[in-house]
Amino acid sequence: MMKNILTHLKGMKTCLLSYLMALVISWAAFPLIIIVLTGYIDPDISLAVWSLIVTLVYLTVGYQLMHSFGEKDRQPYDHARYALKGLVCSVLAYVIVTALGLLVIYLANEFVIVHHPKFVIETLNGYLRLAVYMPFYWLMRLMEGPKGEICPVPSVTWLRAVLGGLVMLPAGAFGYWMGFTGRRIFKGEIKSPLLRRILYSTPKKRDR
């Protein structure tokens, strides 16, 4: 029983680590976009494009990490091994991220709603609500539609937070299933070591 719990926690941790990577990368470019590129490109457009790129990187990394996890589970271990394990681990990670995101939204709405004659505090509130969802900035903008006049960042509501986080599920679920069943997106031999490392975290082995 304990081994079954631990192996699911390991998969959940893998999903969370890949998401944490995306979160750090998405926020890391924020100062550059706001300070350097503002005079040339609308920050809203820059953040949307950058976050979309980050999302694609996150899905790629999440896929290859869970693919490796699934490949390892093909061995005759005594813990739980089944094709939908990646989905279960992804859902567990999704629940944690969503719970954290909803908590941040609550705290932002509770303590960062301030009216000031000179400063647009709504913008600060908007960025705080995006704290956990910056990798999905582009998606939040699509769900909201045209940006508002008061707050130039997309409004992350409770429902949008729950729906936006669903993007986390496909990479882990699909990656594990592909690895567990011995499938690969590219069936032929990939000669480039760098490309192999990007797509698969473990060396390609012939199926036995």
C-alpha atoms as a PDB file:
ATOM      1  CA  MET A   1       0.000   0.000   0.000  1.00  0.00           C
ATOM      2  CA  MET A   2       2.753   2.428   1.003  1.00  0.00           C
ATOM      3  CA  LYS A   3       4.707   1.697  -2.203  1.00  0.00           C
ATOM      4  CA  ASN A   4       1.600   2.452  -4.268  1.00  0.00           C
ATOM      5  CA  ILE A   5       1.213   5.797  -2.519  1.00  0.00           C
ATOM      6  CA  LEU A   6       4.888   6.664  -2.890  1.00  0.00           C
ATOM      7  CA  THR A   7       5.002   5.888  -6.612  1.00  0.00           C
ATOM      8  CA  HIS A   8       1.984   8.130  -7.231  1.00  0.00           C
ATOM      9  CA  LEU A   9       3.605  10.875  -5.156  1.00  0.00           C
ATOM     10  CA  LYS A  10       6.733  10.504  -7.271  1.00  0.00           C
ATOM     11  CA  GLY A  11       4.718  10.978 -10.454  1.00  0.00           C
ATOM     12  CA  MET A  12       2.891  13.937  -8.932  1.00  0.00           C
ATOM     13  CA  LYS A  13       6.232  15.487  -7.924  1.00  0.00           C
ATOM     14  CA  THR A  14       7.481  15.083 -11.498  1.00  0.00           C
ATOM     15  CA  CYS A  15       4.426  16.948 -12.811  1.00  0.00           C
ATOM     16  CA  LEU A  16       4.837  19.692 -10.213  1.00  0.00           C
ATOM     17  CA  LEU A  17       8.530  20.149 -10.954  1.00  0.00           C
ATOM     18  CA  SER A  18       7.880  20.627 -14.658  1.00  0.00           C
ATOM     19  CA  TYR A  19       5.173  23.172 -13.841  1.00  0.00           C
ATOM     20  CA  LEU A  20       7.460  24.963 -11.384  1.00  0.00           C
ATOM     21  CA  MET A  21      10.051  25.224 -14.147  1.00  0.00           C
ATOM     22  CA  ALA A  22       7.458  26.837 -16.439  1.00  0.00           C
ATOM     23  CA  LEU A  23       6.378  29.203 -13.665  1.00  0.00           C
ATOM     24  CA  VAL A  24       9.928  30.386 -13.029  1.00  0.00           C
ATOM     25  CA  ILE A  25      10.703  30.833 -16.730  1.00  0.00           C
ATOM     26  CA  SER A  26       7.472  32.730 -17.381  1.00  0.00           C
ATOM     27  CA  TRP A  27       8.114  35.210 -14.561  1.00  0.00           C
ATOM     28  CA  ALA A  28      11.864  35.473 -15.269  1.00  0.00           C
ATOM     29  CA  ALA A  29      11.222  37.378 -18.505  1.00  0.00           C
ATOM     30  CA  PHE A  30       8.724  39.735 -16.862  1.00  0.00           C
ATOM     31  CA  PRO A  31      11.259  42.498 -15.972  1.00  0.00           C
ATOM     32  CA  LEU A  32      12.765  42.390 -19.470  1.00  0.00           C
ATOM     33  CA  ILE A  33       9.363  42.661 -21.133  1.00  0.00           C
ATOM     34  CA  ILE A  34       8.109  45.464 -18.890  1.00  0.00           C
ATOM     35  CA  ILE A  35      11.314  47.540 -18.770  1.00  0.00           C
ATOM     36  CA  VAL A  36      13.004  46.958 -22.130  1.00  0.00           C
ATOM     37  CA  LEU A  37      10.309  46.049 -24.638  1.00  0.00           C
ATOM     38  CA  THR A  38       7.492  48.351 -23.461  1.00  0.00           C
ATOM     39  CA  GLY A  39       8.562  51.147 -25.795  1.00  0.00           C
ATOM     40  CA  TYR A  40       8.471  48.837 -28.814  1.00  0.00           C
ATOM     41  CA  ILE A  41       5.780  46.216 -28.175  1.00  0.00           C
ATOM     42  CA  ASP A  42       2.644  46.267 -26.075  1.00  0.00           C
ATOM     43  CA  PRO A  43       3.513  44.346 -22.856  1.00  0.00           C
ATOM     44  CA  ASP A  44       0.221  42.505 -23.115  1.00  0.00           C
ATOM     45  CA  ILE A  45       1.205  41.107 -26.519  1.00  0.00           C
ATOM     46  CA  SER A  46       4.755  40.323 -25.403  1.00  0.00           C
ATOM     47  CA  LEU A  47       3.566  38.453 -22.317  1.00  0.00           C
ATOM     48  CA  ALA A  48       0.956  36.558 -24.319  1.00  0.00           C
ATOM     49  CA  VAL A  49       3.499  35.411 -26.922  1.00  0.00           C
ATOM     50  CA  TRP A  50       6.162  34.579 -24.336  1.00  0.00           C
ATOM     51  CA  SER A  51       3.738  32.641 -22.121  1.00  0.00           C
ATOM     52  CA  LEU A  52       2.569  30.626 -25.125  1.00  0.00           C
ATOM     53  CA  ILE A  53       6.181  29.661 -25.835  1.00  0.00           C
ATOM     54  CA  VAL A  54       6.647  28.745 -22.164  1.00  0.00           C
ATOM     55  CA  THR A  55       3.512  26.603 -22.267  1.00  0.00           C
ATOM     56  CA  LEU A  56       4.819  24.684 -25.286  1.00  0.00           C
ATOM     57  CA  VAL A  57       8.172  24.143 -23.541  1.00  0.00           C
ATOM     58  CA  TYR A  58       6.358  23.038 -20.391  1.00  0.00           C
ATOM     59  CA  LEU A  59       4.237  20.521 -22.301  1.00  0.00           C
ATOM     60  CA  THR A  60       7.356  19.150 -24.022  1.00  0.00           C
ATOM     61  CA  VAL A  61       9.323  18.801 -20.788  1.00  0.00           C
ATOM     62  CA  GLY A  62       6.321  17.406 -18.915  1.00  0.00           C
ATOM     63  CA  TYR A  63       5.788  14.858 -21.669  1.00  0.00           C
ATOM     64  CA  GLN A  64       9.376  13.627 -21.754  1.00  0.00           C
ATOM     65  CA  LEU A  65       9.698  13.426 -17.953  1.00  0.00           C
ATOM     66  CA  MET A  66       6.508  11.401 -17.616  1.00  0.00           C
ATOM     67  CA  HIS A  67       7.460   9.323 -20.658  1.00  0.00           C
ATOM     68  CA  SER A  68      10.626   8.333 -18.815  1.00  0.00           C
ATOM     69  CA  PHE A  69       8.590   7.607 -15.682  1.00  0.00           C
ATOM     70  CA  GLY A  70       6.249   5.399 -17.703  1.00  0.00           C
ATOM     71  CA  GLU A  71       9.143   3.541 -19.336  1.00  0.00           C
ATOM     72  CA  LYS A  72      10.606   2.728 -15.928  1.00  0.00           C
ATOM     73  CA  ASP A  73       7.218   1.428 -14.781  1.00  0.00           C
ATOM     74  CA  ARG A  74       7.314  -1.210 -17.523  1.00  0.00           C
ATOM     75  CA  GLN A  75       9.701  -3.148 -15.305  1.00  0.00           C
ATOM     76  CA  PRO A  76       8.133  -5.799 -13.015  1.00  0.00           C
ATOM     77  CA  TYR A  77       7.927  -3.684  -9.881  1.00  0.00           C
ATOM     78  CA  ASP A  78       5.649  -4.542  -6.980  1.00  0.00           C
ATOM     79  CA  HIS A  79       3.943  -1.142  -6.910  1.00  0.00           C
ATOM     80  CA  ALA A  80       0.886  -0.055  -8.888  1.00  0.00           C
ATOM     81  CA  ARG A  81       1.481   0.076 -12.654  1.00  0.00           C
ATOM     82  CA  TYR A  82      -1.323   0.890 -15.083  1.00  0.00           C
ATOM     83  CA  ALA A  83      -1.758   2.910 -18.260  1.00  0.00           C
ATOM     84  CA  LEU A  84      -3.735   5.757 -16.673  1.00  0.00           C
ATOM     85  CA  LYS A  85      -1.302   6.301 -13.812  1.00  0.00           C
ATOM     86  CA  GLY A  86       0.084   9.402 -15.519  1.00  0.00           C
ATOM     87  CA  LEU A  87      -3.392  10.911 -15.628  1.00  0.00           C
ATOM     88  CA  VAL A  88      -3.902  10.233 -11.918  1.00  0.00           C
ATOM     89  CA  CYS A  89      -0.545  11.836 -11.065  1.00  0.00           C
ATOM     90  CA  SER A  90      -1.346  14.817 -13.301  1.00  0.00           C
ATOM     91  CA  VAL A  91      -4.740  15.267 -11.631  1.00  0.00           C
ATOM     92  CA  LEU A  92      -3.105  15.238  -8.193  1.00  0.00           C
ATOM     93  CA  ALA A  93      -0.639  17.907  -9.322  1.00  0.00           C
ATOM     94  CA  TYR A  94      -3.484  19.885 -10.911  1.00  0.00           C
ATOM     95  CA  VAL A  95      -5.432  19.836  -7.627  1.00  0.00           C
ATOM     96  CA  ILE A  96      -2.443  21.226  -5.720  1.00  0.00           C
ATOM     97  CA  VAL A  97      -1.713  23.983  -8.262  1.00  0.00           C
ATOM     98  CA  THR A  98      -5.389  24.919  -8.511  1.00  0.00           C
ATOM     99  CA  ALA A  99      -5.811  25.009  -4.727  1.00  0.00           C
ATOM    100  CA  LEU A 100      -2.773  27.285  -4.476  1.00  0.00           C
ATOM    101  CA  GLY A 101      -4.065  29.441  -7.310  1.00  0.00           C
ATOM    102  CA  LEU A 102      -7.490  29.828  -5.714  1.00  0.00           C
ATOM    103  CA  LEU A 103      -5.849  30.726  -2.398  1.00  0.00           C
ATOM    104  CA  VAL A 104      -3.785  33.432  -4.117  1.00  0.00           C
ATOM    105  CA  ILE A 105      -6.910  34.796  -5.818  1.00  0.00           C
ATOM    106  CA  TYR A 106      -8.711  34.920  -2.477  1.00  0.00           C
ATOM    107  CA  LEU A 107      -5.815  36.708  -0.756  1.00  0.00           C
ATOM    108  CA  ALA A 108      -5.440  39.175  -3.626  1.00  0.00           C
ATOM    109  CA  ASN A 109      -9.139  40.008  -3.577  1.00  0.00           C
ATOM    110  CA  GLU A 110      -9.170  40.222   0.215  1.00  0.00           C
ATOM    111  CA  PHE A 111      -6.111  42.388   0.786  1.00  0.00           C
ATOM    112  CA  VAL A 112      -5.134  44.057  -2.507  1.00  0.00           C
ATOM    113  CA  ILE A 113      -8.301  45.935  -3.383  1.00  0.00           C
ATOM    114  CA  VAL A 114      -7.242  49.495  -2.622  1.00  0.00           C
ATOM    115  CA  HIS A 115      -8.511  52.735  -4.080  1.00  0.00           C
ATOM    116  CA  HIS A 116      -5.889  55.392  -4.665  1.00  0.00           C
ATOM    117  CA  PRO A 117      -6.252  58.622  -6.633  1.00  0.00           C
ATOM    118  CA  LYS A 118      -2.907  58.252  -8.448  1.00  0.00           C
ATOM    119  CA  PHE A 119      -2.102  54.561  -8.686  1.00  0.00           C
ATOM    120  CA  VAL A 120      -4.017  51.861 -10.540  1.00  0.00           C
ATOM    121  CA  ILE A 121      -4.070  49.267  -7.778  1.00  0.00           C
ATOM    122  CA  GLU A 122      -6.260  47.012  -9.908  1.00  0.00           C
ATOM    123  CA  THR A 123      -3.183  46.233 -12.010  1.00  0.00           C
ATOM    124  CA  LEU A 124      -1.288  44.955  -8.960  1.00  0.00           C
ATOM    125  CA  ASN A 125      -4.308  42.858  -8.021  1.00  0.00           C
ATOM    126  CA  GLY A 126      -4.398  41.444 -11.537  1.00  0.00           C
ATOM    127  CA  TYR A 127      -0.732  40.423 -11.491  1.00  0.00           C
ATOM    128  CA  LEU A 128      -1.104  38.816  -8.076  1.00  0.00           C
ATOM    129  CA  ARG A 129      -4.011  36.743  -9.338  1.00  0.00           C
ATOM    130  CA  LEU A 130      -1.732  35.639 -12.182  1.00  0.00           C
ATOM    131  CA  ALA A 131       1.021  34.554  -9.781  1.00  0.00           C
ATOM    132  CA  VAL A 132       0.398  30.842 -10.273  1.00  0.00           C
ATOM    133  CA  TYR A 133      -0.933  31.096 -13.820  1.00  0.00           C
ATOM    134  CA  MET A 134       1.643  33.236 -15.624  1.00  0.00           C
ATOM    135  CA  PRO A 135       2.547  30.298 -17.951  1.00  0.00           C
ATOM    136  CA  PHE A 136      -1.067  30.474 -19.133  1.00  0.00           C
ATOM    137  CA  TYR A 137      -1.237  34.252 -19.534  1.00  0.00           C
ATOM    138  CA  TRP A 138      -2.145  33.798 -23.209  1.00  0.00           C
ATOM    139  CA  LEU A 139      -4.990  31.451 -22.321  1.00  0.00           C
ATOM    140  CA  MET A 140      -6.358  33.784 -19.667  1.00  0.00           C
ATOM    141  CA  ARG A 141      -6.336  36.576 -22.238  1.00  0.00           C
ATOM    142  CA  LEU A 142      -8.208  34.409 -24.751  1.00  0.00           C
ATOM    143  CA  MET A 143     -10.836  33.485 -22.168  1.00  0.00           C
ATOM    144  CA  GLU A 144     -11.307  37.118 -21.196  1.00  0.00           C
ATOM    145  CA  GLY A 145     -11.272  38.618 -24.661  1.00  0.00           C
ATOM    146  CA  PRO A 146     -10.075  42.199 -25.292  1.00  0.00           C
ATOM    147  CA  LYS A 147      -8.151  43.712 -22.404  1.00  0.00           C
ATOM    148  CA  GLY A 148      -9.992  46.103 -20.131  1.00  0.00           C
ATOM    149  CA  GLU A 149      -9.286  49.807 -19.801  1.00  0.00           C
ATOM    150  CA  ILE A 150      -8.751  49.763 -16.025  1.00  0.00           C
ATOM    151  CA  CYS A 151      -6.619  46.663 -15.594  1.00  0.00           C
ATOM    152  CA  PRO A 152      -4.316  45.863 -18.543  1.00  0.00           C
ATOM    153  CA  VAL A 153      -3.804  42.249 -17.445  1.00  0.00           C
ATOM    154  CA  PRO A 154      -6.322  39.430 -17.866  1.00  0.00           C
ATOM    155  CA  SER A 155      -8.604  38.850 -14.931  1.00  0.00           C
ATOM    156  CA  VAL A 156      -8.078  35.403 -13.405  1.00  0.00           C
ATOM    157  CA  THR A 157     -11.443  34.475 -11.939  1.00  0.00           C
ATOM    158  CA  TRP A 158     -12.214  31.345  -9.940  1.00  0.00           C
ATOM    159  CA  LEU A 159     -13.641  29.580 -12.974  1.00  0.00           C
ATOM    160  CA  ARG A 160     -10.822  30.626 -15.304  1.00  0.00           C
ATOM    161  CA  ALA A 161      -8.283  29.382 -12.776  1.00  0.00           C
ATOM    162  CA  VAL A 162      -9.941  25.976 -12.651  1.00  0.00           C
ATOM    163  CA  LEU A 163     -10.275  25.746 -16.435  1.00  0.00           C
ATOM    164  CA  GLY A 164      -6.829  27.167 -17.190  1.00  0.00           C
ATOM    165  CA  GLY A 165      -5.117  24.609 -14.992  1.00  0.00           C
ATOM    166  CA  LEU A 166      -6.553  21.794 -17.088  1.00  0.00           C
ATOM    167  CA  VAL A 167      -3.734  22.466 -19.564  1.00  0.00           C
ATOM    168  CA  MET A 168      -1.529  20.628 -17.070  1.00  0.00           C
ATOM    169  CA  LEU A 169      -3.226  17.271 -17.631  1.00  0.00           C
ATOM    170  CA  PRO A 170      -2.442  16.209 -21.243  1.00  0.00           C
ATOM    171  CA  ALA A 171       1.375  16.211 -21.137  1.00  0.00           C
ATOM    172  CA  GLY A 172       1.742  14.035 -18.050  1.00  0.00           C
ATOM    173  CA  ALA A 173      -1.090  11.678 -18.898  1.00  0.00           C
ATOM    174  CA  PHE A 174      -0.080  11.204 -22.531  1.00  0.00           C
ATOM    175  CA  GLY A 175       3.637  11.056 -21.776  1.00  0.00           C
ATOM    176  CA  TYR A 176       3.266   8.320 -19.166  1.00  0.00           C
ATOM    177  CA  TRP A 177       0.894   6.306 -21.352  1.00  0.00           C
ATOM    178  CA  MET A 178       3.311   6.478 -24.279  1.00  0.00           C
ATOM    179  CA  GLY A 179       6.233   5.408 -22.109  1.00  0.00           C
ATOM    180  CA  PHE A 180       4.314   2.697 -20.288  1.00  0.00           C
ATOM    181  CA  THR A 181       3.076   1.154 -23.517  1.00  0.00           C
ATOM    182  CA  GLY A 182       6.480   1.430 -25.216  1.00  0.00           C
ATOM    183  CA  ARG A 183       5.371   3.978 -27.800  1.00  0.00           C
ATOM    184  CA  ARG A 184       7.250   6.990 -29.116  1.00  0.00           C
ATOM    185  CA  ILE A 185       6.145   9.952 -31.176  1.00  0.00           C
ATOM    186  CA  PHE A 186       9.037   9.370 -33.565  1.00  0.00           C
ATOM    187  CA  LYS A 187       9.413   5.661 -34.308  1.00  0.00           C
ATOM    188  CA  GLY A 188      12.572   6.040 -36.356  1.00  0.00           C
ATOM    189  CA  GLU A 189      16.022   6.461 -34.872  1.00  0.00           C
ATOM    190  CA  ILE A 190      16.764  10.075 -33.927  1.00  0.00           C
ATOM    191  CA  LYS A 191      20.428  10.756 -34.667  1.00  0.00           C
ATOM    192  CA  SER A 192      20.745  14.123 -32.931  1.00  0.00           C
ATOM    193  CA  PRO A 193      21.771  13.649 -29.255  1.00  0.00           C
ATOM    194  CA  LEU A 194      20.287  17.038 -28.376  1.00  0.00           C
ATOM    195  CA  LEU A 195      16.928  16.209 -29.960  1.00  0.00           C
ATOM    196  CA  ARG A 196      16.882  12.822 -28.233  1.00  0.00           C
ATOM    197  CA  ARG A 197      17.524  14.536 -24.914  1.00  0.00           C
ATOM    198  CA  ILE A 198      14.714  17.037 -25.527  1.00  0.00           C
ATOM    199  CA  LEU A 199      12.176  14.405 -26.537  1.00  0.00           C
ATOM    200  CA  TYR A 200      13.210  11.598 -24.214  1.00  0.00           C
ATOM    201  CA  SER A 201      14.991  11.928 -20.888  1.00  0.00           C
ATOM    202  CA  THR A 202      16.379   8.379 -21.148  1.00  0.00           C
ATOM    203  CA  PRO A 203      18.341   6.873 -24.051  1.00  0.00           C
ATOM    204  CA  LYS A 204      16.207   5.206 -26.698  1.00  0.00           C
ATOM    205  CA  LYS A 205      16.174   1.452 -26.212  1.00  0.00           C
ATOM    206  CA  ARG A 206      14.849  -1.220 -28.445  1.00  0.00           C
ATOM    207  CA  ASP A 207      11.711  -2.888 -27.199  1.00  0.00           C
ATOM    208  CA  ARG A 208      12.296  -6.382 -25.935  1.00  0.00           C
END
